[in-house]
Amino acid sequence: MNRILVVEDEEAIANLIRMNLVGAGYLCDIAYDGITGADKMEENSYDLCLFDIMLPGLDGYGLLDYAKKLKIPVIFLTAKGELKDRVKGLRAGADDYITKPFEVLELLARVENILRRFNKTEQIIKVKDLTIDMTSRTVKRNGVEIDLTLKEFDLLLLFAQNKNVALYRETIYERVWNSLYIGDSRTIDLHIQRLRKKTGLEHDIEAVYKVGYRLKAEV
């Protein structure tokens, strides 16, 4: 399981990020100032760090130097959203840059992208009695392989990588079908019905009123 460090001095934002990262299946530590963040990097092994730039004690650029020495990828997460600030952050060595306010799903997608880029993603994901192998694109239930179509596999993987996150129909369609959503929900609904039946997740993939669907899962 990937471990992520979040260094953010606004406790409400830090706790929100942690809640969503944990909900998506990651381990997550928090520091509310730069010095504590540097100490945590010395004490623990992380697959990714999310740093605010304006921090007490030691700013995000100072933390970035620590992270680079330890070969940990970094995403800057900050309200400093002007072009010159983004360019400065990326030139300093950050691997990505997200400005506040942000959508949770975008944050999770960028985290997933950086972990994948640095070959830190886990290739096996488990959901209840299911084992999802991202390399072979196979799914087994209690050791027995389940025959899924390409879209059903992509749909299950999207839910598994965003556990407990309510996914909008538009997002589901655009991520799985790689096309703009035009308001016809029948395709999504039919695929989810079949996926529920094949995987035994009838009570775990739940409809979210006026939003879309969510995979309820223990983390």
Protein backbone atom coordinates (compact mmCIF):
# COMPACT_ATOMS: atom_id res chain seq x y z
CA MET A 1 0.00 0.00 0.00
CA ASN A 2 1.43 3.35 -1.05
CA ARG A 3 2.33 5.80 1.72
CA ILE A 4 1.89 9.54 1.19
CA LEU A 5 3.02 12.53 3.26
CA VAL A 6 0.90 15.69 3.26
CA VAL A 7 2.46 18.88 4.65
CA GLU A 8 -0.24 21.57 4.92
CA ASP A 9 -0.60 24.19 7.66
CA GLU A 10 -4.37 24.56 7.26
CA GLU A 11 -5.62 21.67 9.38
CA ALA A 12 -9.06 21.48 7.77
CA ILE A 13 -7.55 21.13 4.30
CA ALA A 14 -4.90 18.67 5.49
CA ASN A 15 -7.51 16.49 7.18
CA LEU A 16 -9.76 16.60 4.12
CA ILE A 17 -6.89 15.47 1.91
CA ARG A 18 -6.00 12.67 4.31
CA MET A 19 -9.62 11.50 4.52
CA ASN A 20 -9.86 11.21 0.75
CA LEU A 21 -6.45 9.59 0.30
CA VAL A 22 -7.23 7.02 2.98
CA GLY A 23 -10.64 6.49 1.43
CA ALA A 24 -8.92 5.76 -1.88
CA GLY A 25 -6.75 3.11 -0.23
CA TYR A 26 -3.52 4.99 0.57
CA LEU A 27 -1.65 5.31 3.85
CA CYS A 28 -1.33 8.98 4.74
CA ASP A 29 0.67 10.99 7.29
CA ILE A 30 0.19 14.69 8.00
CA ALA A 31 2.48 17.48 9.16
CA TYR A 32 1.27 21.02 9.79
CA ASP A 33 4.67 22.74 9.41
CA GLY A 34 7.78 22.31 7.34
CA ILE A 35 10.13 21.22 10.13
CA THR A 36 7.82 18.40 11.19
CA GLY A 37 7.43 17.42 7.56
CA ALA A 38 11.21 17.15 7.12
CA ASP A 39 11.44 15.07 10.31
CA LYS A 40 8.79 12.68 9.03
CA MET A 41 10.67 12.21 5.76
CA GLU A 42 13.80 11.31 7.75
CA GLU A 43 11.89 8.86 9.93
CA ASN A 44 9.66 7.14 7.36
CA SER A 45 9.64 5.92 3.79
CA TYR A 46 7.17 7.65 1.44
CA ASP A 47 6.11 6.99 -2.14
CA LEU A 48 4.85 10.55 -2.68
CA CYS A 49 4.72 13.92 -0.89
CA LEU A 50 2.15 16.70 -1.19
CA PHE A 51 3.51 20.06 -0.03
CA ASP A 52 1.94 23.45 0.42
CA ILE A 53 4.46 26.15 -0.49
CA MET A 54 3.78 28.73 2.22
CA LEU A 55 4.56 26.83 5.43
CA PRO A 56 5.82 27.83 8.89
CA GLY A 57 9.33 26.73 9.81
CA LEU A 58 10.44 25.51 6.40
CA ASP A 59 8.65 26.32 3.16
CA GLY A 60 7.68 23.94 0.37
CA TYR A 61 10.83 24.67 -1.64
CA GLY A 62 12.98 23.67 1.32
CA LEU A 63 10.96 20.48 1.73
CA LEU A 64 11.33 19.82 -1.99
CA ASP A 65 15.12 19.75 -1.56
CA TYR A 66 14.75 17.14 1.19
CA ALA A 67 12.40 15.04 -0.91
CA LYS A 68 14.63 15.12 -3.98
CA LYS A 69 17.63 13.90 -1.96
CA LEU A 70 15.46 10.98 -0.84
CA LYS A 71 14.16 10.46 -4.41
CA ILE A 72 10.53 11.02 -3.40
CA PRO A 73 8.23 12.56 -6.05
CA VAL A 74 6.47 15.76 -5.01
CA ILE A 75 3.21 17.49 -5.86
CA PHE A 76 2.91 21.13 -4.84
CA LEU A 77 -0.56 21.92 -3.54
CA THR A 78 -0.99 25.65 -3.09
CA ALA A 79 -3.12 28.75 -3.52
CA LYS A 80 -0.26 30.39 -5.46
CA GLY A 81 -1.80 29.70 -8.85
CA GLU A 82 -0.29 32.34 -11.13
CA LEU A 83 1.69 31.12 -14.13
CA LYS A 84 4.99 32.42 -12.73
CA ASP A 85 4.41 30.46 -9.50
CA ARG A 86 3.61 27.23 -11.36
CA VAL A 87 6.66 27.63 -13.57
CA LYS A 88 8.86 28.34 -10.54
CA GLY A 89 7.57 25.25 -8.76
CA LEU A 90 8.07 22.96 -11.73
CA ARG A 91 11.51 24.36 -12.50
CA ALA A 92 12.49 23.81 -8.87
CA GLY A 93 11.81 20.12 -9.41
CA ALA A 94 8.20 19.49 -8.38
CA ASP A 95 6.60 16.68 -10.37
CA ASP A 96 3.16 18.29 -10.47
CA TYR A 97 1.37 21.41 -9.26
CA ILE A 98 -2.25 21.69 -8.09
CA THR A 99 -3.85 24.99 -7.17
CA LYS A 100 -6.49 25.51 -4.49
CA PRO A 101 -9.41 25.16 -4.53
CA PHE A 102 -9.28 21.74 -6.18
CA GLU A 103 -11.64 18.88 -6.94
CA VAL A 104 -10.95 15.73 -4.93
CA LEU A 105 -11.18 13.54 -8.01
CA GLU A 106 -8.55 15.64 -9.79
CA LEU A 107 -6.25 15.33 -6.78
CA LEU A 108 -6.66 11.54 -6.72
CA ALA A 109 -6.09 11.31 -10.47
CA ARG A 110 -2.87 13.34 -10.24
CA VAL A 111 -1.65 11.26 -7.30
CA GLU A 112 -2.35 8.10 -9.26
CA ASN A 113 -0.58 9.52 -12.31
CA ILE A 114 2.59 10.44 -10.41
CA LEU A 115 2.74 7.07 -8.64
CA ARG A 116 2.32 5.32 -11.98
CA ARG A 117 4.99 7.51 -13.62
CA PHE A 118 7.48 6.53 -10.93
CA ASN A 119 6.45 2.86 -11.01
CA LYS A 120 5.18 3.05 -7.45
CA THR A 121 1.63 1.89 -8.11
CA GLU A 122 0.60 -1.47 -6.79
CA GLN A 123 -0.24 -3.82 -9.62
CA ILE A 124 -2.60 -5.89 -7.48
CA ILE A 125 -5.71 -4.31 -5.95
CA LYS A 126 -8.01 -6.21 -3.61
CA VAL A 127 -11.66 -5.41 -3.02
CA LYS A 128 -13.47 -7.79 -0.67
CA ASP A 129 -13.00 -11.26 -2.25
CA LEU A 130 -11.83 -9.82 -5.58
CA THR A 131 -8.22 -9.63 -6.77
CA ILE A 132 -7.61 -7.18 -9.62
CA ASP A 133 -4.35 -7.66 -11.54
CA MET A 134 -3.58 -4.48 -13.47
CA THR A 135 -0.72 -6.06 -15.42
CA SER A 136 -2.64 -9.01 -16.84
CA ARG A 137 -5.97 -7.15 -16.70
CA THR A 138 -7.63 -10.09 -14.98
CA VAL A 139 -10.01 -10.30 -12.04
CA LYS A 140 -10.39 -13.28 -9.74
CA ARG A 141 -13.03 -13.94 -7.12
CA ASN A 142 -11.85 -16.30 -4.41
CA GLY A 143 -9.17 -17.47 -6.83
CA VAL A 144 -11.52 -18.11 -9.75
CA GLU A 145 -11.14 -15.84 -12.77
CA ILE A 146 -14.15 -13.73 -13.76
CA ASP A 147 -14.84 -13.06 -17.43
CA LEU A 148 -15.15 -9.28 -17.78
CA THR A 149 -15.34 -7.21 -20.94
CA LEU A 150 -12.76 -4.46 -21.49
CA LYS A 151 -15.17 -1.76 -20.34
CA GLU A 152 -16.30 -3.77 -17.31
CA PHE A 153 -12.67 -4.19 -16.25
CA ASP A 154 -11.96 -0.48 -16.71
CA LEU A 155 -15.11 0.37 -14.76
CA LEU A 156 -14.16 -1.92 -11.88
CA LEU A 157 -10.62 -0.54 -11.84
CA LEU A 158 -11.92 3.03 -11.70
CA PHE A 159 -14.06 2.19 -8.68
CA ALA A 160 -11.24 0.21 -7.00
CA GLN A 161 -8.81 3.11 -7.40
CA ASN A 162 -11.35 5.56 -5.96
CA LYS A 163 -12.86 3.59 -3.09
CA ASN A 164 -15.58 5.42 -1.16
CA VAL A 165 -15.47 8.36 -3.58
CA ALA A 166 -18.74 9.38 -5.22
CA LEU A 167 -18.05 9.45 -8.96
CA TYR A 168 -20.15 11.63 -11.22
CA ARG A 169 -21.69 9.97 -14.26
CA GLU A 170 -19.79 12.41 -16.45
CA THR A 171 -16.51 11.36 -14.85
CA ILE A 172 -17.26 7.66 -15.17
CA TYR A 173 -18.16 7.99 -18.84
CA GLU A 174 -15.18 10.16 -19.74
CA ARG A 175 -12.69 7.94 -17.85
CA VAL A 176 -14.00 4.57 -19.07
CA TRP A 177 -15.33 5.39 -22.54
CA ASN A 178 -12.81 8.16 -23.28
CA SER A 179 -15.55 10.32 -24.67
CA LEU A 180 -17.64 13.31 -23.63
CA TYR A 181 -20.78 12.45 -21.67
CA ILE A 182 -23.92 13.48 -23.58
CA GLY A 183 -26.44 12.75 -20.85
CA ASP A 184 -27.48 9.20 -21.77
CA SER A 185 -27.00 7.19 -18.58
CA ARG A 186 -28.24 3.86 -19.94
CA THR A 187 -24.81 2.70 -21.05
CA ILE A 188 -23.32 3.33 -17.61
CA ASP A 189 -26.28 1.81 -15.76
CA LEU A 190 -26.29 -1.37 -17.86
CA HIS A 191 -22.54 -1.90 -17.46
CA ILE A 192 -22.78 -1.38 -13.70
CA GLN A 193 -25.67 -3.84 -13.45
CA ARG A 194 -23.63 -6.50 -15.23
CA LEU A 195 -20.52 -5.66 -13.21
CA ARG A 196 -22.40 -5.97 -9.91
CA LYS A 197 -23.74 -9.38 -10.90
CA LYS A 198 -20.42 -10.76 -12.18
CA THR A 199 -18.36 -9.56 -9.21
CA GLY A 200 -20.84 -10.04 -6.38
CA LEU A 201 -20.70 -6.33 -5.55
CA GLU A 202 -24.48 -5.86 -5.71
CA HIS A 203 -24.55 -4.13 -2.34
CA ASP A 204 -21.15 -2.44 -2.60
CA ILE A 205 -21.44 -0.41 -5.81
CA GLU A 206 -24.17 1.97 -4.72
CA ALA A 207 -26.03 4.69 -6.56
CA VAL A 208 -25.51 8.21 -5.23
CA TYR A 209 -28.54 10.42 -5.76
CA LYS A 210 -28.02 13.12 -8.40
CA VAL A 211 -24.32 12.22 -8.65
CA GLY A 212 -23.52 8.75 -9.96
CA TYR A 213 -22.04 5.75 -8.20
CA ARG A 214 -19.66 4.88 -5.37
CA LEU A 215 -17.83 1.72 -4.33
CA LYS A 216 -18.17 1.25 -0.59
CA ALA A 217 -15.10 -0.50 0.73
CA GLU A 218 -13.16 -0.92 3.94
CA VAL A 219 -9.66 0.55 3.82
